[in-house]
Amino acid sequence: MTSHHQEASALRTFDHSHMFEVLYSFPQQVREALAIGRQAPYFHDTSHFPMLLFCGMGGSAIAGDLLRCLVQAYEIDDFFVHVHRTYGIPSGISSSTAVIASSYSGNTEETLTAYRAARSKTHRLLCITTGGELQRLAHADGVPVISIPSGLQPRCALGYSFVPVIMTLLTHNAFNHQSTATLLRALDTLPEFLETTVQAYSVPIAQNPAYTLAERLHGTIPVIYSSSLLEAVNLRWRGQLQENAKHLAFGNSIPEMNHNEINSWVLPRLMLQNFTIIFLHAPQRGQQSRMDVRMQATKNVLQGRPKNLIDIVAEGTTLLEQMFHLLVLADWTSYWLALLNQQDPTEISDITALKQAMAQH
């Protein structure tokens, strides 16, 4: 057995709950999610809606962020997506608003209050869950429910949380014809693309780019920067590093950070060498955009400040593939970093302790 095989085998002993197999099976999860989405229910009112309010927390909310970023990236103006991550609902919700309540367990406290508040404002609701109180309420209220398989950590169920939602929107004409055709084609090729992507990041560590990246992040604090089109991916990177690797991570979007945060990479000088900056890129066809110029200028200003400055360019022929390439890389990088940190990537003892404390009040 080679030293790399021995090292990988030793690291895998920290994976007590077998997240490796869960991440490896993600392409199959997406295939199953596509099948669920083709048969998924829809809002009882199928007429046009100007706004979609997506209510969820943590791993269940990322689906809404991805939808929001895709709508923005493809310049789809059929409706506006707002992702709501707290109790209740924001102001301005009316009977014309469509609301999706997403809770993998069905028992997320904040999402349940959002569902109840939305129910008093609009009858155009849809839930996606594995069961729990959300499913019970929805059935009692006659609200359609997209049922997805249970047994995973919510952050490991992104395929189930996202794909059926976008599929039911596509198959029930929420998007215009051109956008529908474009997105359906992109979804159709996604599982095969993911097979290749997962293979690259699950191979022995000597040839594994995700492991190499995790080694560079090990012992440093990652800060993730991206354009607003990759805001959901950026957020996912931070969340996966935080939950899987038990590792502090921060981030921001460009151009906003150019107007404040860029000026902070000066002090405290001794601490800057404890940071790694990651720039996430999704290559655009055609002429270089102002965002490309801005990203490069930002990199030039920050050169030499942190310990590492890393560019990650998404692979894939469609924007959806590029986004999911970066999402899968985040999964596997955070997985390998968890093992380097001698942590079980599945375990979430602090989140569990917080939930237990909240349940007492």
Protein backbone atom coordinates (compact mmCIF):
# COMPACT_ATOMS: atom_id res chain seq x y z
CA MET A 1 0.00 0.00 0.00
CA THR A 2 1.41 3.43 -0.96
CA SER A 3 1.85 6.22 1.60
CA HIS A 4 -0.98 8.17 -0.07
CA HIS A 5 -3.32 5.20 0.27
CA GLN A 6 -2.27 4.77 3.88
CA GLU A 7 -2.84 8.47 4.55
CA ALA A 8 -6.27 8.42 2.91
CA SER A 9 -7.23 5.30 4.84
CA ALA A 10 -6.15 6.92 8.10
CA LEU A 11 -8.13 10.07 7.33
CA ARG A 12 -11.26 8.12 6.46
CA THR A 13 -11.37 6.76 10.01
CA PHE A 14 -12.72 10.16 11.11
CA ASP A 15 -15.70 9.75 8.74
CA HIS A 16 -17.74 7.86 11.33
CA SER A 17 -21.07 8.48 9.60
CA HIS A 18 -19.86 7.66 6.06
CA MET A 19 -20.36 11.03 4.37
CA PHE A 20 -18.02 9.84 1.61
CA GLU A 21 -20.72 7.52 0.28
CA VAL A 22 -23.37 10.26 0.55
CA LEU A 23 -21.29 12.71 -1.48
CA TYR A 24 -20.35 10.01 -3.98
CA SER A 25 -24.02 9.23 -4.64
CA PHE A 26 -24.96 12.86 -5.38
CA PRO A 27 -25.38 12.33 -9.17
CA GLN A 28 -27.92 9.59 -8.46
CA GLN A 29 -29.68 11.91 -6.01
CA VAL A 30 -30.06 14.46 -8.82
CA ARG A 31 -31.44 11.79 -11.16
CA GLU A 32 -34.03 10.80 -8.56
CA ALA A 33 -34.82 14.47 -7.90
CA LEU A 34 -35.48 15.04 -11.60
CA ALA A 35 -37.98 12.17 -11.56
CA ILE A 36 -39.65 13.61 -8.45
CA GLY A 37 -39.78 17.04 -10.07
CA ARG A 38 -41.48 15.79 -13.22
CA GLN A 39 -44.38 14.50 -11.11
CA ALA A 40 -44.31 17.20 -8.43
CA PRO A 41 -47.42 19.16 -7.47
CA TYR A 42 -47.75 22.89 -8.04
CA PHE A 43 -49.57 25.86 -6.58
CA HIS A 44 -53.35 25.46 -6.77
CA ASP A 45 -53.47 28.84 -8.53
CA THR A 46 -51.46 28.36 -11.74
CA SER A 47 -51.77 31.95 -12.95
CA HIS A 48 -48.75 34.25 -13.22
CA PHE A 49 -47.21 35.52 -9.98
CA PRO A 50 -44.90 38.56 -9.74
CA MET A 51 -42.93 37.36 -6.72
CA LEU A 52 -41.81 34.03 -5.28
CA LEU A 53 -41.03 34.03 -1.56
CA PHE A 54 -38.79 31.09 -0.66
CA CYS A 55 -38.76 30.36 3.09
CA GLY A 56 -36.11 28.10 4.57
CA MET A 57 -33.00 27.85 6.72
CA GLY A 58 -29.52 26.41 6.23
CA GLY A 59 -29.29 23.57 3.72
CA SER A 60 -32.99 23.88 2.88
CA ALA A 61 -32.67 27.57 1.93
CA ILE A 62 -29.77 27.16 -0.51
CA ALA A 63 -32.21 25.83 -3.11
CA GLY A 64 -33.97 29.19 -3.07
CA ASP A 65 -30.66 31.03 -3.44
CA LEU A 66 -29.71 28.91 -6.44
CA LEU A 67 -33.08 29.62 -8.03
CA ARG A 68 -32.67 33.34 -7.36
CA CYS A 69 -29.19 33.41 -8.91
CA LEU A 70 -30.26 31.40 -11.95
CA VAL A 71 -33.21 33.73 -12.58
CA GLN A 72 -30.79 36.66 -12.39
CA ALA A 73 -28.08 35.03 -14.51
CA TYR A 74 -30.42 33.99 -17.30
CA GLU A 75 -32.04 37.45 -17.19
CA ILE A 76 -35.46 35.89 -16.55
CA ASP A 77 -37.96 38.59 -15.60
CA ASP A 78 -41.04 36.34 -15.26
CA PHE A 79 -40.95 36.77 -11.47
CA PHE A 80 -38.76 38.01 -8.64
CA VAL A 81 -37.32 35.56 -6.08
CA HIS A 82 -36.83 36.58 -2.45
CA VAL A 83 -35.22 34.11 -0.02
CA HIS A 84 -36.41 34.52 3.57
CA ARG A 85 -34.24 33.13 6.37
CA THR A 86 -35.92 33.98 9.66
CA TYR A 87 -39.20 33.93 11.55
CA GLY A 88 -42.45 35.19 10.02
CA ILE A 89 -42.54 36.78 6.57
CA PRO A 90 -41.35 40.12 5.17
CA SER A 91 -43.70 43.01 4.53
CA GLY A 92 -45.38 43.37 1.16
CA ILE A 93 -46.66 39.79 0.83
CA SER A 94 -50.09 39.69 -0.82
CA SER A 95 -52.54 37.23 -2.32
CA SER A 96 -50.62 37.39 -5.62
CA THR A 97 -47.36 36.23 -4.00
CA ALA A 98 -46.28 32.61 -4.44
CA VAL A 99 -44.67 31.07 -1.36
CA ILE A 100 -42.52 27.95 -1.09
CA ALA A 101 -41.78 26.66 2.43
CA SER A 102 -38.74 24.37 2.44
CA SER A 103 -37.74 22.32 5.48
CA TYR A 104 -35.98 19.00 5.01
CA SER A 105 -37.01 17.70 8.44
CA GLY A 106 -40.36 19.47 8.36
CA ASN A 107 -39.72 20.73 11.88
CA THR A 108 -37.60 23.84 11.33
CA GLU A 109 -38.93 26.38 13.83
CA GLU A 110 -38.37 29.50 11.72
CA THR A 111 -39.87 27.97 8.57
CA LEU A 112 -42.97 26.80 10.41
CA THR A 113 -43.67 30.35 11.61
CA ALA A 114 -43.10 31.62 8.05
CA TYR A 115 -45.56 29.06 6.69
CA ARG A 116 -48.23 30.06 9.20
CA ALA A 117 -47.73 33.76 8.50
CA ALA A 118 -47.81 33.24 4.73
CA ARG A 119 -50.97 31.15 5.02
CA SER A 120 -52.78 34.21 6.38
CA LYS A 121 -51.70 36.33 3.38
CA THR A 122 -51.90 34.08 0.32
CA HIS A 123 -53.38 30.75 -0.74
CA ARG A 124 -50.65 30.23 -3.33
CA LEU A 125 -48.39 27.99 -1.23
CA LEU A 126 -46.22 24.96 -1.89
CA CYS A 127 -44.16 22.93 0.61
CA ILE A 128 -41.14 20.69 0.10
CA THR A 129 -40.19 18.38 2.95
CA THR A 130 -39.62 14.80 4.08
CA GLY A 131 -42.46 15.02 6.61
CA GLY A 132 -42.71 16.45 10.12
CA GLU A 133 -44.95 19.28 11.28
CA LEU A 134 -44.73 21.16 7.97
CA GLN A 135 -46.21 18.21 6.11
CA ARG A 136 -48.91 17.79 8.75
CA LEU A 137 -49.91 21.47 8.54
CA ALA A 138 -49.87 21.46 4.75
CA HIS A 139 -52.08 18.38 4.54
CA ALA A 140 -54.51 19.88 7.05
CA ASP A 141 -54.63 23.13 5.06
CA GLY A 142 -54.88 21.44 1.66
CA VAL A 143 -51.52 22.87 0.56
CA PRO A 144 -49.58 20.85 -2.07
CA VAL A 145 -46.46 19.07 -0.78
CA ILE A 146 -43.41 17.88 -2.72
CA SER A 147 -42.30 14.82 -0.75
CA ILE A 148 -38.59 14.02 -0.87
CA PRO A 149 -36.60 11.11 0.63
CA SER A 150 -35.47 11.35 4.26
CA GLY A 151 -32.38 9.98 5.98
CA LEU A 152 -29.81 12.64 5.04
CA GLN A 153 -28.38 15.73 6.67
CA PRO A 154 -30.24 18.69 5.09
CA ARG A 155 -26.99 20.05 3.65
CA CYS A 156 -26.44 16.71 1.90
CA ALA A 157 -29.88 16.81 0.24
CA LEU A 158 -29.35 19.78 -2.08
CA GLY A 159 -30.40 17.78 -5.15
CA TYR A 160 -33.69 16.82 -3.52
CA SER A 161 -34.29 20.35 -2.21
CA PHE A 162 -33.51 22.23 -5.42
CA VAL A 163 -34.24 20.12 -8.49
CA PRO A 164 -37.93 19.27 -7.82
CA VAL A 165 -38.66 22.96 -7.14
CA ILE A 166 -37.21 24.23 -10.40
CA MET A 167 -38.68 21.29 -12.30
CA THR A 168 -42.24 21.94 -11.11
CA LEU A 169 -41.85 25.64 -11.97
CA LEU A 170 -40.63 24.69 -15.45
CA THR A 171 -43.29 22.06 -16.15
CA HIS A 172 -46.12 24.35 -15.01
CA ASN A 173 -45.10 27.31 -17.20
CA ALA A 174 -43.82 29.67 -14.52
CA PHE A 175 -41.04 30.63 -16.95
CA ASN A 176 -41.34 31.86 -20.54
CA HIS A 177 -40.90 29.29 -23.32
CA GLN A 178 -37.30 30.20 -24.18
CA SER A 179 -36.11 30.08 -20.56
CA THR A 180 -37.98 26.82 -19.99
CA ALA A 181 -36.29 25.15 -22.96
CA THR A 182 -32.84 26.42 -21.93
CA LEU A 183 -33.14 25.28 -18.32
CA LEU A 184 -34.66 21.90 -19.17
CA ARG A 185 -31.75 21.17 -21.53
CA ALA A 186 -29.28 22.18 -18.82
CA LEU A 187 -30.98 19.97 -16.22
CA ASP A 188 -31.08 17.02 -18.61
CA THR A 189 -27.28 16.94 -18.97
CA LEU A 190 -26.53 17.68 -15.31
CA PRO A 191 -26.39 14.12 -13.85
CA GLU A 192 -23.85 12.89 -16.41
CA PHE A 193 -21.72 15.98 -15.82
CA LEU A 194 -21.88 15.39 -12.07
CA GLU A 195 -20.68 11.80 -12.49
CA THR A 196 -17.42 13.06 -13.95
CA THR A 197 -17.12 15.83 -11.36
CA VAL A 198 -17.63 13.53 -8.38
CA GLN A 199 -15.11 11.04 -9.75
CA ALA A 200 -12.44 13.75 -9.86
CA TYR A 201 -12.87 14.70 -6.21
CA SER A 202 -13.27 11.22 -4.70
CA VAL A 203 -10.13 9.62 -6.16
CA PRO A 204 -7.04 8.85 -4.04
CA ILE A 205 -5.60 12.00 -2.52
CA ALA A 206 -2.41 12.02 -4.62
CA GLN A 207 -4.50 12.91 -7.71
CA ASN A 208 -7.34 14.72 -5.96
CA PRO A 209 -7.74 18.51 -6.56
CA ALA A 210 -10.29 18.85 -3.73
CA TYR A 211 -7.86 17.29 -1.26
CA THR A 212 -5.04 19.53 -2.50
CA LEU A 213 -7.25 22.56 -1.99
CA ALA A 214 -8.20 21.36 1.50
CA GLU A 215 -4.50 21.08 2.34
CA ARG A 216 -3.99 24.73 1.34
CA LEU A 217 -6.97 25.82 3.46
CA HIS A 218 -5.88 23.74 6.46
CA GLY A 219 -4.84 25.99 9.35
CA THR A 220 -6.06 29.17 7.65
CA ILE A 221 -9.35 31.08 7.61
CA PRO A 222 -10.95 31.01 4.13
CA VAL A 223 -12.59 34.15 2.76
CA ILE A 224 -14.67 33.53 -0.36
CA TYR A 225 -15.24 36.26 -2.96
CA SER A 226 -17.41 36.02 -6.07
CA SER A 227 -19.74 37.99 -8.29
CA SER A 228 -23.36 38.32 -7.19
CA LEU A 229 -24.32 35.72 -9.83
CA LEU A 230 -22.44 33.16 -7.74
CA GLU A 231 -23.73 34.48 -4.42
CA ALA A 232 -25.59 31.22 -3.68
CA VAL A 233 -22.48 29.18 -4.48
CA ASN A 234 -20.38 31.50 -2.32
CA LEU A 235 -22.80 31.05 0.59
CA ARG A 236 -22.74 27.28 0.12
CA TRP A 237 -18.92 27.24 0.25
CA ARG A 238 -18.97 29.02 3.59
CA GLY A 239 -21.73 26.81 4.98
CA GLN A 240 -20.07 23.56 3.97
CA LEU A 241 -16.70 24.57 5.40
CA GLN A 242 -18.41 25.64 8.61
CA GLU A 243 -20.67 22.61 9.06
CA ASN A 244 -18.60 19.80 7.59
CA ALA A 245 -15.08 20.89 8.51
CA LYS A 246 -16.01 22.75 11.75
CA HIS A 247 -13.87 25.52 10.27
CA LEU A 248 -14.44 29.28 10.33
CA ALA A 249 -15.09 30.73 6.88
CA PHE A 250 -16.31 34.10 5.68
CA GLY A 251 -17.14 35.75 2.37
CA ASN A 252 -18.65 38.60 0.41
CA SER A 253 -19.70 39.51 -3.10
CA ILE A 254 -18.07 41.79 -5.63
CA PRO A 255 -18.61 44.67 -6.34
CA GLU A 256 -19.97 45.42 -2.84
CA MET A 257 -16.74 44.44 -1.06
CA ASN A 258 -14.85 46.87 -3.33
CA HIS A 259 -16.59 49.74 -1.55
CA ASN A 260 -15.61 48.82 2.02
CA GLU A 261 -14.08 45.42 2.81
CA ILE A 262 -11.18 45.68 0.37
CA ASN A 263 -9.81 48.50 2.51
CA SER A 264 -9.63 46.25 5.58
CA TRP A 265 -6.92 43.90 4.29
CA VAL A 266 -4.24 45.95 6.05
CA LEU A 267 -4.57 45.32 9.77
CA PRO A 268 -3.91 43.50 12.03
CA ARG A 269 -0.87 42.79 9.87
CA LEU A 270 0.32 39.72 11.77
CA MET A 271 -3.06 38.01 11.39
CA LEU A 272 -3.38 38.42 7.64
CA GLN A 273 -1.06 35.49 7.03
CA ASN A 274 -3.65 33.25 8.71
CA PHE A 275 -6.15 33.85 5.89
CA THR A 276 -6.76 32.32 2.47
CA ILE A 277 -8.70 34.28 -0.14
CA ILE A 278 -10.63 32.27 -2.75
CA PHE A 279 -12.04 33.89 -5.87
CA LEU A 280 -14.84 31.90 -7.51
CA HIS A 281 -15.28 32.41 -11.27
CA ALA A 282 -17.90 31.22 -13.76
CA PRO A 283 -16.48 31.83 -17.24
CA GLN A 284 -18.75 33.88 -19.48
CA ARG A 285 -18.88 33.58 -23.23
CA GLY A 286 -17.93 36.51 -25.39
CA GLN A 287 -16.29 39.78 -24.45
CA GLN A 288 -14.65 40.33 -21.08
CA SER A 289 -17.14 41.92 -18.73
CA ARG A 290 -16.67 44.77 -16.29
CA MET A 291 -16.99 42.15 -13.54
CA ASP A 292 -13.99 40.25 -14.93
CA VAL A 293 -11.95 43.47 -14.91
CA ARG A 294 -13.10 44.23 -11.37
CA MET A 295 -12.26 40.74 -10.08
CA GLN A 296 -8.75 40.93 -11.53
CA ALA A 297 -8.21 44.43 -10.15
CA THR A 298 -9.34 43.24 -6.73
CA LYS A 299 -6.93 40.33 -6.89
CA ASN A 300 -4.08 42.67 -7.86
CA VAL A 301 -4.77 44.97 -4.90
CA LEU A 302 -4.86 42.07 -2.41
CA GLN A 303 -1.86 40.19 -3.82
CA GLY A 304 0.61 39.30 -1.05
CA ARG A 305 -1.71 40.20 1.85
CA PRO A 306 -3.12 36.74 2.87
CA LYS A 307 -1.17 33.48 3.08
CA ASN A 308 -2.87 32.11 -0.04
CA LEU A 309 -4.77 33.74 -2.87
CA ILE A 310 -6.55 31.15 -5.00
CA ASP A 311 -8.57 31.40 -8.21
CA ILE A 312 -11.15 28.67 -8.82
CA VAL A 313 -12.69 28.63 -12.29
CA ALA A 314 -15.87 26.62 -12.74
CA GLU A 315 -16.00 23.84 -15.32
CA GLY A 316 -18.99 23.03 -17.49
CA THR A 317 -20.66 24.13 -20.71
CA THR A 318 -23.80 25.64 -19.13
CA LEU A 319 -24.12 28.03 -16.21
CA LEU A 320 -26.02 25.35 -14.28
CA GLU A 321 -23.12 22.92 -14.75
CA GLN A 322 -20.64 25.60 -13.71
CA MET A 323 -22.58 26.36 -10.56
CA PHE A 324 -22.89 22.69 -9.64
CA HIS A 325 -19.23 22.07 -10.38
CA LEU A 326 -18.37 24.67 -7.74
CA LEU A 327 -20.98 23.25 -5.35
CA VAL A 328 -19.56 19.74 -5.63
CA LEU A 329 -16.04 21.06 -5.17
CA ALA A 330 -17.22 22.80 -1.98
CA ASP A 331 -18.70 19.53 -0.72
CA TRP A 332 -15.54 17.53 -1.26
CA THR A 333 -13.10 20.24 -0.17
CA SER A 334 -15.00 20.65 3.10
CA TYR A 335 -15.10 16.85 3.47
CA TRP A 336 -11.33 16.46 3.11
CA LEU A 337 -10.70 19.50 5.31
CA ALA A 338 -12.90 17.95 8.01
CA LEU A 339 -10.73 14.84 7.96
CA LEU A 340 -7.53 16.92 8.03
CA ASN A 341 -9.05 18.67 11.05
CA GLN A 342 -9.73 15.22 12.57
CA GLN A 343 -13.46 15.91 12.59
CA ASP A 344 -16.43 13.77 11.58
CA PRO A 345 -17.92 15.77 8.67
CA THR A 346 -21.46 14.65 9.50
CA GLU A 347 -21.48 15.49 13.22
CA ILE A 348 -23.16 18.80 14.26
CA SER A 349 -23.03 18.71 18.07
CA ASP A 350 -23.18 22.50 18.54
CA ILE A 351 -26.25 22.85 16.31
CA THR A 352 -27.90 19.99 18.20
CA ALA A 353 -27.07 21.59 21.56
CA LEU A 354 -28.57 24.90 20.40
CA LYS A 355 -31.79 23.20 19.25
CA GLN A 356 -32.08 21.42 22.59
CA ALA A 357 -31.64 24.72 24.43
CA MET A 358 -34.32 26.38 22.27
CA ALA A 359 -36.72 23.49 22.90
CA GLN A 360 -36.65 24.24 26.62
CA HIS A 361 -38.17 27.70 26.14
